[in-house]
Amino acid sequence: MSGKITCYLDVVSPYSYFALLHLERHREALKSHNVEIDIVPVFLGGIMGASGNKPPWMLPAKAKYSTFDSSRAKKYFGVHNFKTPSFFPILSLLPQRALIFIKAQHPQFFIPTFLDFYKEMWENGIDLSKSELLTNVLSKSFTEPQIREIFEKASSPDWKKKLNDNTDEALSHGAFGCPWFWVKNAVGDEEPFFGSDRFHNIWEYLGLPWKDVELLPKERSKI
Protein backbone atom coordinates (compact mmCIF):
# COMPACT_ATOMS: atom_id res chain seq x y z
CA MET A 1 0.00 0.00 0.00
CA SER A 2 1.08 3.57 -0.64
CA GLY A 3 -0.49 6.98 -0.71
CA LYS A 4 -0.24 10.56 0.46
CA ILE A 5 -2.20 12.71 2.88
CA THR A 6 -1.79 16.44 2.36
CA CYS A 7 -3.30 18.29 5.30
CA TYR A 8 -3.96 22.04 5.22
CA LEU A 9 -4.00 23.62 8.69
CA ASP A 10 -4.17 26.99 10.43
CA VAL A 11 -3.31 27.54 14.10
CA VAL A 12 -6.51 29.58 14.46
CA SER A 13 -8.58 26.43 13.89
CA PRO A 14 -9.10 24.25 17.00
CA TYR A 15 -10.18 21.27 14.92
CA SER A 16 -6.91 21.56 13.03
CA TYR A 17 -5.17 21.01 16.40
CA PHE A 18 -7.15 17.81 16.90
CA ALA A 19 -6.38 16.68 13.34
CA LEU A 20 -2.63 17.23 13.69
CA LEU A 21 -2.55 15.36 16.99
CA HIS A 22 -4.41 12.42 15.45
CA LEU A 23 -2.16 12.30 12.39
CA GLU A 24 0.98 12.39 14.52
CA ARG A 25 -0.33 9.59 16.72
CA HIS A 26 -0.75 7.49 13.59
CA ARG A 27 2.37 8.64 11.74
CA GLU A 28 4.33 5.42 12.32
CA ALA A 29 1.39 3.21 11.38
CA LEU A 30 0.87 5.25 8.20
CA LYS A 31 4.59 5.03 7.44
CA SER A 32 4.41 1.24 7.74
CA HIS A 33 1.85 1.33 4.91
CA ASN A 34 4.03 3.72 2.87
CA VAL A 35 1.59 6.58 3.32
CA GLU A 36 3.25 10.00 3.32
CA ILE A 37 1.99 12.93 5.40
CA ASP A 38 2.49 16.52 4.28
CA ILE A 39 1.35 19.27 6.65
CA VAL A 40 0.76 22.58 4.86
CA PRO A 41 0.21 25.90 6.71
CA VAL A 42 -2.54 28.02 5.14
CA PHE A 43 -4.49 31.17 5.99
CA LEU A 44 -7.97 30.09 7.06
CA GLY A 45 -9.32 33.63 6.75
CA GLY A 46 -8.44 33.58 3.05
CA ILE A 47 -10.08 30.20 2.57
CA MET A 48 -13.28 31.31 4.31
CA GLY A 49 -13.48 34.52 2.31
CA ALA A 50 -12.76 32.95 -1.06
CA SER A 51 -15.13 30.02 -0.53
CA GLY A 52 -17.98 32.10 0.90
CA ASN A 53 -18.02 30.10 4.13
CA LYS A 54 -18.74 31.71 7.51
CA PRO A 55 -17.22 30.91 10.92
CA PRO A 56 -19.44 29.40 13.64
CA TRP A 57 -19.71 32.60 15.69
CA MET A 58 -21.41 34.32 12.74
CA LEU A 59 -24.16 31.69 12.57
CA PRO A 60 -26.12 31.44 15.85
CA ALA A 61 -27.27 27.84 15.41
CA LYS A 62 -23.76 26.72 14.46
CA ALA A 63 -22.26 28.63 17.39
CA LYS A 64 -24.67 26.98 19.83
CA TYR A 65 -23.87 23.52 18.50
CA SER A 66 -20.12 24.19 18.62
CA THR A 67 -20.16 24.42 22.42
CA PHE A 68 -21.32 20.79 22.58
CA ASP A 69 -19.13 19.58 19.74
CA SER A 70 -15.89 21.14 21.02
CA SER A 71 -16.47 19.59 24.46
CA ARG A 72 -16.87 16.14 22.89
CA ALA A 73 -13.87 16.62 20.62
CA LYS A 74 -11.45 17.68 23.36
CA LYS A 75 -12.43 14.58 25.33
CA TYR A 76 -12.04 12.27 22.34
CA PHE A 77 -8.66 13.68 21.27
CA GLY A 78 -7.36 13.92 24.84
CA VAL A 79 -6.88 17.70 24.98
CA HIS A 80 -8.37 18.09 28.44
CA ASN A 81 -7.03 21.62 29.04
CA PHE A 82 -8.53 22.93 25.80
CA LYS A 83 -10.39 26.22 26.07
CA THR A 84 -11.28 29.01 23.68
CA PRO A 85 -9.08 32.03 24.53
CA SER A 86 -10.68 35.38 25.30
CA PHE A 87 -8.90 37.01 22.32
CA PHE A 88 -10.19 34.48 19.77
CA PRO A 89 -10.15 34.74 16.80
CA ILE A 90 -6.69 36.03 15.92
CA LEU A 91 -5.24 37.21 12.63
CA SER A 92 -2.98 34.20 12.07
CA LEU A 93 -0.78 35.56 9.28
CA LEU A 94 2.39 35.93 11.37
CA PRO A 95 2.45 32.45 12.98
CA GLN A 96 1.44 30.79 9.72
CA ARG A 97 4.19 32.52 7.72
CA ALA A 98 6.68 31.66 10.45
CA LEU A 99 5.66 28.00 10.20
CA ILE A 100 6.20 27.99 6.44
CA PHE A 101 9.74 29.29 6.87
CA ILE A 102 10.44 26.82 9.68
CA LYS A 103 9.20 23.96 7.51
CA ALA A 104 11.58 25.00 4.72
CA GLN A 105 14.67 25.82 6.77
CA HIS A 106 14.27 23.84 10.02
CA PRO A 107 12.12 20.84 9.01
CA GLN A 108 13.03 18.84 12.12
CA PHE A 109 11.32 21.49 14.26
CA PHE A 110 8.29 22.06 12.02
CA ILE A 111 5.79 19.62 13.56
CA PRO A 112 6.97 20.17 17.17
CA THR A 113 6.65 23.93 16.67
CA PHE A 114 3.22 23.63 15.07
CA LEU A 115 2.09 21.55 18.06
CA ASP A 116 3.65 24.08 20.43
CA PHE A 117 1.70 26.86 18.72
CA TYR A 118 -1.56 24.95 19.13
CA LYS A 119 -0.87 24.04 22.74
CA GLU A 120 0.11 27.57 23.75
CA MET A 121 -2.93 29.12 22.07
CA TRP A 122 -5.64 26.58 22.83
CA GLU A 123 -4.49 25.30 26.21
CA ASN A 124 -2.44 28.14 27.70
CA GLY A 125 -4.24 31.13 26.19
CA ILE A 126 -1.24 32.71 24.43
CA ASP A 127 -2.04 35.19 21.65
CA LEU A 128 0.31 34.10 18.87
CA SER A 129 -0.51 37.12 16.73
CA LYS A 130 1.58 39.25 19.12
CA SER A 131 5.25 39.08 18.15
CA GLU A 132 6.57 39.24 21.71
CA LEU A 133 4.43 36.28 22.79
CA LEU A 134 5.25 34.36 19.65
CA THR A 135 8.94 34.96 20.39
CA ASN A 136 8.54 33.30 23.78
CA VAL A 137 7.06 30.20 22.20
CA LEU A 138 9.72 30.02 19.50
CA SER A 139 12.46 30.30 22.13
CA LYS A 140 11.71 26.71 23.17
CA SER A 141 13.40 25.43 20.00
CA PHE A 142 15.27 28.33 18.42
CA THR A 143 18.14 30.67 19.30
CA GLU A 144 17.76 34.45 19.30
CA PRO A 145 19.45 34.84 15.88
CA GLN A 146 17.22 32.12 14.45
CA ILE A 147 14.11 33.79 15.85
CA ARG A 148 15.14 37.13 14.33
CA GLU A 149 15.54 35.42 10.97
CA ILE A 150 12.14 33.73 11.31
CA PHE A 151 10.45 37.10 11.92
CA GLU A 152 12.40 38.78 9.14
CA LYS A 153 11.44 36.12 6.61
CA ALA A 154 7.84 35.94 7.82
CA SER A 155 7.50 39.64 7.01
CA SER A 156 9.18 39.45 3.59
CA PRO A 157 7.27 39.42 0.28
CA ASP A 158 8.54 35.97 -0.73
CA TRP A 159 7.21 34.21 2.37
CA LYS A 160 4.00 36.20 2.38
CA LYS A 161 3.48 34.96 -1.17
CA LYS A 162 4.20 31.39 -0.08
CA LEU A 163 1.34 31.53 2.42
CA ASN A 164 -0.92 32.90 -0.31
CA ASP A 165 0.22 30.12 -2.65
CA ASN A 166 -0.48 27.44 -0.03
CA THR A 167 -3.94 28.91 0.57
CA ASP A 168 -4.68 29.03 -3.16
CA GLU A 169 -3.54 25.40 -3.45
CA ALA A 170 -6.02 24.36 -0.75
CA LEU A 171 -8.76 26.33 -2.50
CA SER A 172 -7.92 24.59 -5.78
CA HIS A 173 -8.66 21.32 -3.97
CA GLY A 174 -12.09 22.60 -2.93
CA ALA A 175 -11.26 23.82 0.57
CA PHE A 176 -13.88 25.79 2.50
CA GLY A 177 -12.37 25.36 5.97
CA CYS A 178 -9.68 23.64 8.06
CA PRO A 179 -8.53 20.99 8.56
CA TRP A 180 -8.71 20.18 4.86
CA PHE A 181 -7.23 16.99 3.45
CA TRP A 182 -6.27 16.11 -0.11
CA VAL A 183 -5.65 12.37 -0.23
CA LYS A 184 -4.05 10.27 -2.97
CA ASN A 185 -4.46 6.51 -2.83
CA ALA A 186 -2.34 3.69 -4.23
CA VAL A 187 -3.86 3.84 -7.72
CA GLY A 188 -3.37 7.60 -7.99
CA ASP A 189 -6.97 8.67 -7.37
CA GLU A 190 -7.41 11.82 -5.27
CA GLU A 191 -10.27 13.09 -3.13
CA PRO A 192 -10.90 15.84 -0.55
CA PHE A 193 -11.87 15.26 3.09
CA PHE A 194 -12.90 17.86 5.66
CA GLY A 195 -12.77 17.92 9.44
CA SER A 196 -11.12 16.06 12.29
CA ASP A 197 -13.78 13.33 12.36
CA ARG A 198 -13.27 11.81 8.91
CA PHE A 199 -10.17 9.72 9.52
CA HIS A 200 -12.08 6.46 9.17
CA ASN A 201 -13.12 7.61 5.69
CA ILE A 202 -9.50 8.47 4.87
CA TRP A 203 -8.23 5.09 6.07
CA GLU A 204 -10.90 3.37 3.97
CA TYR A 205 -10.05 5.43 0.89
CA LEU A 206 -6.39 4.52 1.28
CA GLY A 207 -7.28 0.85 1.61
CA LEU A 208 -5.75 0.61 5.09
CA PRO A 209 -6.79 -1.96 7.70
CA TRP A 210 -8.78 -0.26 10.46
CA LYS A 211 -11.34 -1.01 13.15
CA ASP A 212 -14.75 0.61 13.22
CA VAL A 213 -16.32 2.01 16.36
CA GLU A 214 -17.78 -0.96 18.19
CA LEU A 215 -20.79 -0.79 20.49
CA LEU A 216 -20.41 -3.34 23.27
CA PRO A 217 -23.41 -5.12 24.81
CA LYS A 218 -24.17 -4.66 28.47
CA GLU A 219 -22.32 -7.13 30.60
CA ARG A 220 -24.51 -9.63 32.38
CA SER A 221 -24.19 -9.89 36.12
CA LYS A 222 -22.09 -12.76 37.28
CA ILE A 223 -23.87 -15.13 39.62
C-alpha atoms as a PDB file:
ATOM      1  CA  MET A   1       0.000   0.000   0.000  1.00  0.00           C
ATOM      2  CA  SER A   2       1.080   3.567  -0.641  1.00  0.00           C
ATOM      3  CA  GLY A   3      -0.493   6.977  -0.714  1.00  0.00           C
ATOM      4  CA  LYS A   4      -0.241  10.560   0.464  1.00  0.00           C
ATOM      5  CA  ILE A   5      -2.202  12.708   2.881  1.00  0.00           C
ATOM      6  CA  THR A   6      -1.791  16.444   2.356  1.00  0.00           C
ATOM      7  CA  CYS A   7      -3.298  18.291   5.303  1.00  0.00           C
ATOM      8  CA  TYR A   8      -3.963  22.037   5.216  1.00  0.00           C
ATOM      9  CA  LEU A   9      -3.996  23.622   8.691  1.00  0.00           C
ATOM     10  CA  ASP A  10      -4.173  26.994  10.432  1.00  0.00           C
ATOM     11  CA  VAL A  11      -3.310  27.542  14.097  1.00  0.00           C
ATOM     12  CA  VAL A  12      -6.510  29.581  14.459  1.00  0.00           C
ATOM     13  CA  SER A  13      -8.579  26.425  13.887  1.00  0.00           C
ATOM     14  CA  PRO A  14      -9.105  24.254  17.000  1.00  0.00           C
ATOM     15  CA  TYR A  15     -10.178  21.268  14.918  1.00  0.00           C
ATOM     16  CA  SER A  16      -6.906  21.560  13.032  1.00  0.00           C
ATOM     17  CA  TYR A  17      -5.172  21.013  16.395  1.00  0.00           C
ATOM     18  CA  PHE A  18      -7.148  17.814  16.900  1.00  0.00           C
ATOM     19  CA  ALA A  19      -6.378  16.685  13.344  1.00  0.00           C
ATOM     20  CA  LEU A  20      -2.631  17.226  13.688  1.00  0.00           C
ATOM     21  CA  LEU A  21      -2.549  15.362  16.994  1.00  0.00           C
ATOM     22  CA  HIS A  22      -4.411  12.425  15.451  1.00  0.00           C
ATOM     23  CA  LEU A  23      -2.160  12.296  12.389  1.00  0.00           C
ATOM     24  CA  GLU A  24       0.980  12.392  14.520  1.00  0.00           C
ATOM     25  CA  ARG A  25      -0.332   9.590  16.720  1.00  0.00           C
ATOM     26  CA  HIS A  26      -0.754   7.490  13.586  1.00  0.00           C
ATOM     27  CA  ARG A  27       2.365   8.637  11.745  1.00  0.00           C
ATOM     28  CA  GLU A  28       4.326   5.425  12.321  1.00  0.00           C
ATOM     29  CA  ALA A  29       1.391   3.210  11.377  1.00  0.00           C
ATOM     30  CA  LEU A  30       0.870   5.247   8.195  1.00  0.00           C
ATOM     31  CA  LYS A  31       4.595   5.027   7.443  1.00  0.00           C
ATOM     32  CA  SER A  32       4.406   1.236   7.738  1.00  0.00           C
ATOM     33  CA  HIS A  33       1.849   1.327   4.910  1.00  0.00           C
ATOM     34  CA  ASN A  34       4.035   3.716   2.868  1.00  0.00           C
ATOM     35  CA  VAL A  35       1.588   6.580   3.320  1.00  0.00           C
ATOM     36  CA  GLU A  36       3.250   9.995   3.325  1.00  0.00           C
ATOM     37  CA  ILE A  37       1.990  12.930   5.398  1.00  0.00           C
ATOM     38  CA  ASP A  38       2.494  16.523   4.276  1.00  0.00           C
ATOM     39  CA  ILE A  39       1.355  19.272   6.651  1.00  0.00           C
ATOM     40  CA  VAL A  40       0.763  22.581   4.858  1.00  0.00           C
ATOM     41  CA  PRO A  41       0.206  25.899   6.708  1.00  0.00           C
ATOM     42  CA  VAL A  42      -2.538  28.020   5.144  1.00  0.00           C
ATOM     43  CA  PHE A  43      -4.487  31.173   5.991  1.00  0.00           C
ATOM     44  CA  LEU A  44      -7.971  30.094   7.056  1.00  0.00           C
ATOM     45  CA  GLY A  45      -9.318  33.633   6.752  1.00  0.00           C
ATOM     46  CA  GLY A  46      -8.443  33.581   3.051  1.00  0.00           C
ATOM     47  CA  ILE A  47     -10.082  30.200   2.571  1.00  0.00           C
ATOM     48  CA  MET A  48     -13.279  31.306   4.312  1.00  0.00           C
ATOM     49  CA  GLY A  49     -13.480  34.518   2.315  1.00  0.00           C
ATOM     50  CA  ALA A  50     -12.762  32.950  -1.064  1.00  0.00           C
ATOM     51  CA  SER A  51     -15.129  30.023  -0.534  1.00  0.00           C
ATOM     52  CA  GLY A  52     -17.979  32.098   0.904  1.00  0.00           C
ATOM     53  CA  ASN A  53     -18.015  30.096   4.135  1.00  0.00           C
ATOM     54  CA  LYS A  54     -18.740  31.710   7.513  1.00  0.00           C
ATOM     55  CA  PRO A  55     -17.219  30.907  10.921  1.00  0.00           C
ATOM     56  CA  PRO A  56     -19.442  29.398  13.644  1.00  0.00           C
ATOM     57  CA  TRP A  57     -19.710  32.597  15.693  1.00  0.00           C
ATOM     58  CA  MET A  58     -21.413  34.323  12.741  1.00  0.00           C
ATOM     59  CA  LEU A  59     -24.158  31.686  12.568  1.00  0.00           C
ATOM     60  CA  PRO A  60     -26.116  31.441  15.850  1.00  0.00           C
ATOM     61  CA  ALA A  61     -27.271  27.841  15.407  1.00  0.00           C
ATOM     62  CA  LYS A  62     -23.757  26.722  14.458  1.00  0.00           C
ATOM     63  CA  ALA A  63     -22.258  28.630  17.386  1.00  0.00           C
ATOM     64  CA  LYS A  64     -24.669  26.985  19.831  1.00  0.00           C
ATOM     65  CA  TYR A  65     -23.868  23.523  18.505  1.00  0.00           C
ATOM     66  CA  SER A  66     -20.119  24.195  18.623  1.00  0.00           C
ATOM     67  CA  THR A  67     -20.164  24.415  22.417  1.00  0.00           C
ATOM     68  CA  PHE A  68     -21.316  20.789  22.583  1.00  0.00           C
ATOM     69  CA  ASP A  69     -19.127  19.577  19.743  1.00  0.00           C
ATOM     70  CA  SER A  70     -15.890  21.136  21.024  1.00  0.00           C
ATOM     71  CA  SER A  71     -16.467  19.590  24.457  1.00  0.00           C
ATOM     72  CA  ARG A  72     -16.869  16.141  22.893  1.00  0.00           C
ATOM     73  CA  ALA A  73     -13.874  16.620  20.618  1.00  0.00           C
ATOM     74  CA  LYS A  74     -11.453  17.675  23.358  1.00  0.00           C
ATOM     75  CA  LYS A  75     -12.425  14.579  25.334  1.00  0.00           C
ATOM     76  CA  TYR A  76     -12.036  12.265  22.336  1.00  0.00           C
ATOM     77  CA  PHE A  77      -8.656  13.676  21.272  1.00  0.00           C
ATOM     78  CA  GLY A  78      -7.362  13.924  24.843  1.00  0.00           C
ATOM     79  CA  VAL A  79      -6.885  17.697  24.976  1.00  0.00           C
ATOM     80  CA  HIS A  80      -8.369  18.088  28.443  1.00  0.00           C
ATOM     81  CA  ASN A  81      -7.034  21.617  29.045  1.00  0.00           C
ATOM     82  CA  PHE A  82      -8.534  22.926  25.795  1.00  0.00           C
ATOM     83  CA  LYS A  83     -10.391  26.223  26.072  1.00  0.00           C
ATOM     84  CA  THR A  84     -11.279  29.008  23.680  1.00  0.00           C
ATOM     85  CA  PRO A  85      -9.078  32.032  24.528  1.00  0.00           C
ATOM     86  CA  SER A  86     -10.681  35.382  25.301  1.00  0.00           C
ATOM     87  CA  PHE A  87      -8.903  37.014  22.322  1.00  0.00           C
ATOM     88  CA  PHE A  88     -10.190  34.476  19.772  1.00  0.00           C
ATOM     89  CA  PRO A  89     -10.150  34.740  16.796  1.00  0.00           C
ATOM     90  CA  ILE A  90      -6.693  36.032  15.921  1.00  0.00           C
ATOM     91  CA  LEU A  91      -5.238  37.206  12.633  1.00  0.00           C
ATOM     92  CA  SER A  92      -2.984  34.195  12.074  1.00  0.00           C
ATOM     93  CA  LEU A  93      -0.782  35.556   9.283  1.00  0.00           C
ATOM     94  CA  LEU A  94       2.388  35.932  11.373  1.00  0.00           C
ATOM     95  CA  PRO A  95       2.453  32.455  12.980  1.00  0.00           C
ATOM     96  CA  GLN A  96       1.437  30.794   9.715  1.00  0.00           C
ATOM     97  CA  ARG A  97       4.188  32.524   7.725  1.00  0.00           C
ATOM     98  CA  ALA A  98       6.677  31.659  10.449  1.00  0.00           C
ATOM     99  CA  LEU A  99       5.665  27.998  10.202  1.00  0.00           C
ATOM    100  CA  ILE A 100       6.203  27.991   6.444  1.00  0.00           C
ATOM    101  CA  PHE A 101       9.741  29.294   6.875  1.00  0.00           C
ATOM    102  CA  ILE A 102      10.441  26.819   9.676  1.00  0.00           C
ATOM    103  CA  LYS A 103       9.201  23.959   7.506  1.00  0.00           C
ATOM    104  CA  ALA A 104      11.576  25.001   4.717  1.00  0.00           C
ATOM    105  CA  GLN A 105      14.669  25.824   6.774  1.00  0.00           C
ATOM    106  CA  HIS A 106      14.272  23.840  10.015  1.00  0.00           C
ATOM    107  CA  PRO A 107      12.122  20.842   9.012  1.00  0.00           C
ATOM    108  CA  GLN A 108      13.032  18.837  12.117  1.00  0.00           C
ATOM    109  CA  PHE A 109      11.323  21.488  14.256  1.00  0.00           C
ATOM    110  CA  PHE A 110       8.295  22.060  12.021  1.00  0.00           C
ATOM    111  CA  ILE A 111       5.794  19.622  13.559  1.00  0.00           C
ATOM    112  CA  PRO A 112       6.967  20.169  17.165  1.00  0.00           C
ATOM    113  CA  THR A 113       6.649  23.934  16.669  1.00  0.00           C
ATOM    114  CA  PHE A 114       3.216  23.625  15.068  1.00  0.00           C
ATOM    115  CA  LEU A 115       2.088  21.546  18.058  1.00  0.00           C
ATOM    116  CA  ASP A 116       3.654  24.084  20.431  1.00  0.00           C
ATOM    117  CA  PHE A 117       1.699  26.855  18.718  1.00  0.00           C
ATOM    118  CA  TYR A 118      -1.555  24.946  19.131  1.00  0.00           C
ATOM    119  CA  LYS A 119      -0.875  24.039  22.743  1.00  0.00           C
ATOM    120  CA  GLU A 120       0.111  27.568  23.745  1.00  0.00           C
ATOM    121  CA  MET A 121      -2.927  29.124  22.066  1.00  0.00           C
ATOM    122  CA  TRP A 122      -5.637  26.583  22.828  1.00  0.00           C
ATOM    123  CA  GLU A 123      -4.485  25.303  26.210  1.00  0.00           C
ATOM    124  CA  ASN A 124      -2.436  28.139  27.704  1.00  0.00           C
ATOM    125  CA  GLY A 125      -4.243  31.131  26.190  1.00  0.00           C
ATOM    126  CA  ILE A 126      -1.244  32.713  24.431  1.00  0.00           C
ATOM    127  CA  ASP A 127      -2.036  35.190  21.654  1.00  0.00           C
ATOM    128  CA  LEU A 128       0.313  34.096  18.869  1.00  0.00           C
ATOM    129  CA  SER A 129      -0.512  37.122  16.725  1.00  0.00           C
ATOM    130  CA  LYS A 130       1.577  39.250  19.119  1.00  0.00           C
ATOM    131  CA  SER A 131       5.253  39.078  18.146  1.00  0.00           C
ATOM    132  CA  GLU A 132       6.575  39.239  21.714  1.00  0.00           C
ATOM    133  CA  LEU A 133       4.427  36.285  22.792  1.00  0.00           C
ATOM    134  CA  LEU A 134       5.251  34.357  19.652  1.00  0.00           C
ATOM    135  CA  THR A 135       8.945  34.964  20.394  1.00  0.00           C
ATOM    136  CA  ASN A 136       8.543  33.300  23.783  1.00  0.00           C
ATOM    137  CA  VAL A 137       7.061  30.199  22.198  1.00  0.00           C
ATOM    138  CA  LEU A 138       9.723  30.017  19.501  1.00  0.00           C
ATOM    139  CA  SER A 139      12.465  30.299  22.128  1.00  0.00           C
ATOM    140  CA  LYS A 140      11.708  26.714  23.169  1.00  0.00           C
ATOM    141  CA  SER A 141      13.404  25.430  20.004  1.00  0.00           C
ATOM    142  CA  PHE A 142      15.274  28.331  18.418  1.00  0.00           C
ATOM    143  CA  THR A 143      18.137  30.671  19.300  1.00  0.00           C
ATOM    144  CA  GLU A 144      17.755  34.447  19.297  1.00  0.00           C
ATOM    145  CA  PRO A 145      19.454  34.839  15.882  1.00  0.00           C
ATOM    146  CA  GLN A 146      17.221  32.116  14.450  1.00  0.00           C
ATOM    147  CA  ILE A 147      14.108  33.792  15.848  1.00  0.00           C
ATOM    148  CA  ARG A 148      15.137  37.131  14.333  1.00  0.00           C
ATOM    149  CA  GLU A 149      15.538  35.417  10.971  1.00  0.00           C
ATOM    150  CA  ILE A 150      12.138  33.734  11.306  1.00  0.00           C
ATOM    151  CA  PHE A 151      10.448  37.098  11.925  1.00  0.00           C
ATOM    152  CA  GLU A 152      12.402  38.776   9.135  1.00  0.00           C
ATOM    153  CA  LYS A 153      11.440  36.121   6.607  1.00  0.00           C
ATOM    154  CA  ALA A 154       7.837  35.936   7.817  1.00  0.00           C
ATOM    155  CA  SER A 155       7.496  39.644   7.011  1.00  0.00           C
ATOM    156  CA  SER A 156       9.181  39.447   3.595  1.00  0.00           C
ATOM    157  CA  PRO A 157       7.271  39.417   0.277  1.00  0.00           C
ATOM    158  CA  ASP A 158       8.545  35.971  -0.732  1.00  0.00           C
ATOM    159  CA  TRP A 159       7.213  34.212   2.368  1.00  0.00           C
ATOM    160  CA  LYS A 160       3.996  36.202   2.377  1.00  0.00           C
ATOM    161  CA  LYS A 161       3.477  34.960  -1.171  1.00  0.00           C
ATOM    162  CA  LYS A 162       4.203  31.391  -0.076  1.00  0.00           C
ATOM    163  CA  LEU A 163       1.339  31.526   2.415  1.00  0.00           C
ATOM    164  CA  ASN A 164      -0.915  32.895  -0.309  1.00  0.00           C
ATOM    165  CA  ASP A 165       0.220  30.121  -2.647  1.00  0.00           C
ATOM    166  CA  ASN A 166      -0.484  27.444  -0.033  1.00  0.00           C
ATOM    167  CA  THR A 167      -3.936  28.910   0.575  1.00  0.00           C
ATOM    168  CA  ASP A 168      -4.677  29.027  -3.161  1.00  0.00           C
ATOM    169  CA  GLU A 169      -3.545  25.404  -3.445  1.00  0.00           C
ATOM    170  CA  ALA A 170      -6.019  24.359  -0.750  1.00  0.00           C
ATOM    171  CA  LEU A 171      -8.760  26.333  -2.498  1.00  0.00           C
ATOM    172  CA  SER A 172      -7.920  24.593  -5.785  1.00  0.00           C
ATOM    173  CA  HIS A 173      -8.665  21.320  -3.971  1.00  0.00           C
ATOM    174  CA  GLY A 174     -12.092  22.599  -2.934  1.00  0.00           C
ATOM    175  CA  ALA A 175     -11.258  23.822   0.573  1.00  0.00           C
ATOM    176  CA  PHE A 176     -13.876  25.788   2.496  1.00  0.00           C
ATOM    177  CA  GLY A 177     -12.368  25.360   5.972  1.00  0.00           C
ATOM    178  CA  CYS A 178      -9.676  23.640   8.055  1.00  0.00           C
ATOM    179  CA  PRO A 179      -8.525  20.990   8.564  1.00  0.00           C
ATOM    180  CA  TRP A 180      -8.713  20.184   4.858  1.00  0.00           C
ATOM    181  CA  PHE A 181      -7.229  16.987   3.445  1.00  0.00           C
ATOM    182  CA  TRP A 182      -6.274  16.108  -0.105  1.00  0.00           C
ATOM    183  CA  VAL A 183      -5.649  12.371  -0.230  1.00  0.00           C
ATOM    184  CA  LYS A 184      -4.046  10.272  -2.966  1.00  0.00           C
ATOM    185  CA  ASN A 185      -4.461   6.508  -2.832  1.00  0.00           C
ATOM    186  CA  ALA A 186      -2.336   3.687  -4.230  1.00  0.00           C
ATOM    187  CA  VAL A 187      -3.857   3.838  -7.720  1.00  0.00           C
ATOM    188  CA  GLY A 188      -3.374   7.603  -7.995  1.00  0.00           C
ATOM    189  CA  ASP A 189      -6.971   8.667  -7.372  1.00  0.00           C
ATOM    190  CA  GLU A 190      -7.407  11.818  -5.272  1.00  0.00           C
ATOM    191  CA  GLU A 191     -10.270  13.087  -3.128  1.00  0.00           C
ATOM    192  CA  PRO A 192     -10.897  15.836  -0.546  1.00  0.00           C
ATOM    193  CA  PHE A 193     -11.869  15.263   3.090  1.00  0.00           C
ATOM    194  CA  PHE A 194     -12.900  17.861   5.662  1.00  0.00           C
ATOM    195  CA  GLY A 195     -12.767  17.917   9.436  1.00  0.00           C
ATOM    196  CA  SER A 196     -11.119  16.056  12.289  1.00  0.00           C
ATOM    197  CA  ASP A 197     -13.784  13.328  12.355  1.00  0.00           C
ATOM    198  CA  ARG A 198     -13.272  11.807   8.908  1.00  0.00           C
ATOM    199  CA  PHE A 199     -10.175   9.716   9.518  1.00  0.00           C
ATOM    200  CA  HIS A 200     -12.081   6.458   9.169  1.00  0.00           C
ATOM    201  CA  ASN A 201     -13.122   7.608   5.687  1.00  0.00           C
ATOM    202  CA  ILE A 202      -9.500   8.474   4.874  1.00  0.00           C
ATOM    203  CA  TRP A 203      -8.227   5.094   6.068  1.00  0.00           C
ATOM    204  CA  GLU A 204     -10.900   3.370   3.972  1.00  0.00           C
ATOM    205  CA  TYR A 205     -10.049   5.435   0.888  1.00  0.00           C
ATOM    206  CA  LEU A 206      -6.390   4.523   1.276  1.00  0.00           C
ATOM    207  CA  GLY A 207      -7.275   0.847   1.611  1.00  0.00           C
ATOM    208  CA  LEU A 208      -5.752   0.606   5.092  1.00  0.00           C
ATOM    209  CA  PRO A 209      -6.790  -1.960   7.696  1.00  0.00           C
ATOM    210  CA  TRP A 210      -8.783  -0.261  10.459  1.00  0.00           C
ATOM    211  CA  LYS A 211     -11.337  -1.011  13.146  1.00  0.00           C
ATOM    212  CA  ASP A 212     -14.748   0.607  13.222  1.00  0.00           C
ATOM    213  CA  VAL A 213     -16.317   2.009  16.363  1.00  0.00           C
ATOM    214  CA  GLU A 214     -17.780  -0.958  18.193  1.00  0.00           C
ATOM    215  CA  LEU A 215     -20.794  -0.786  20.488  1.00  0.00           C
ATOM    216  CA  LEU A 216     -20.410  -3.340  23.275  1.00  0.00           C
ATOM    217  CA  PRO A 217     -23.406  -5.121  24.807  1.00  0.00           C
ATOM    218  CA  LYS A 218     -24.172  -4.662  28.470  1.00  0.00           C
ATOM    219  CA  GLU A 219     -22.319  -7.131  30.602  1.00  0.00           C
ATOM    220  CA  ARG A 220     -24.512  -9.633  32.383  1.00  0.00           C
ATOM    221  CA  SER A 221     -24.189  -9.886  36.123  1.00  0.00           C
ATOM    222  CA  LYS A 222     -22.090 -12.764  37.277  1.00  0.00           C
ATOM    223  CA  ILE A 223     -23.870 -15.130  39.624  1.00  0.00           C
END
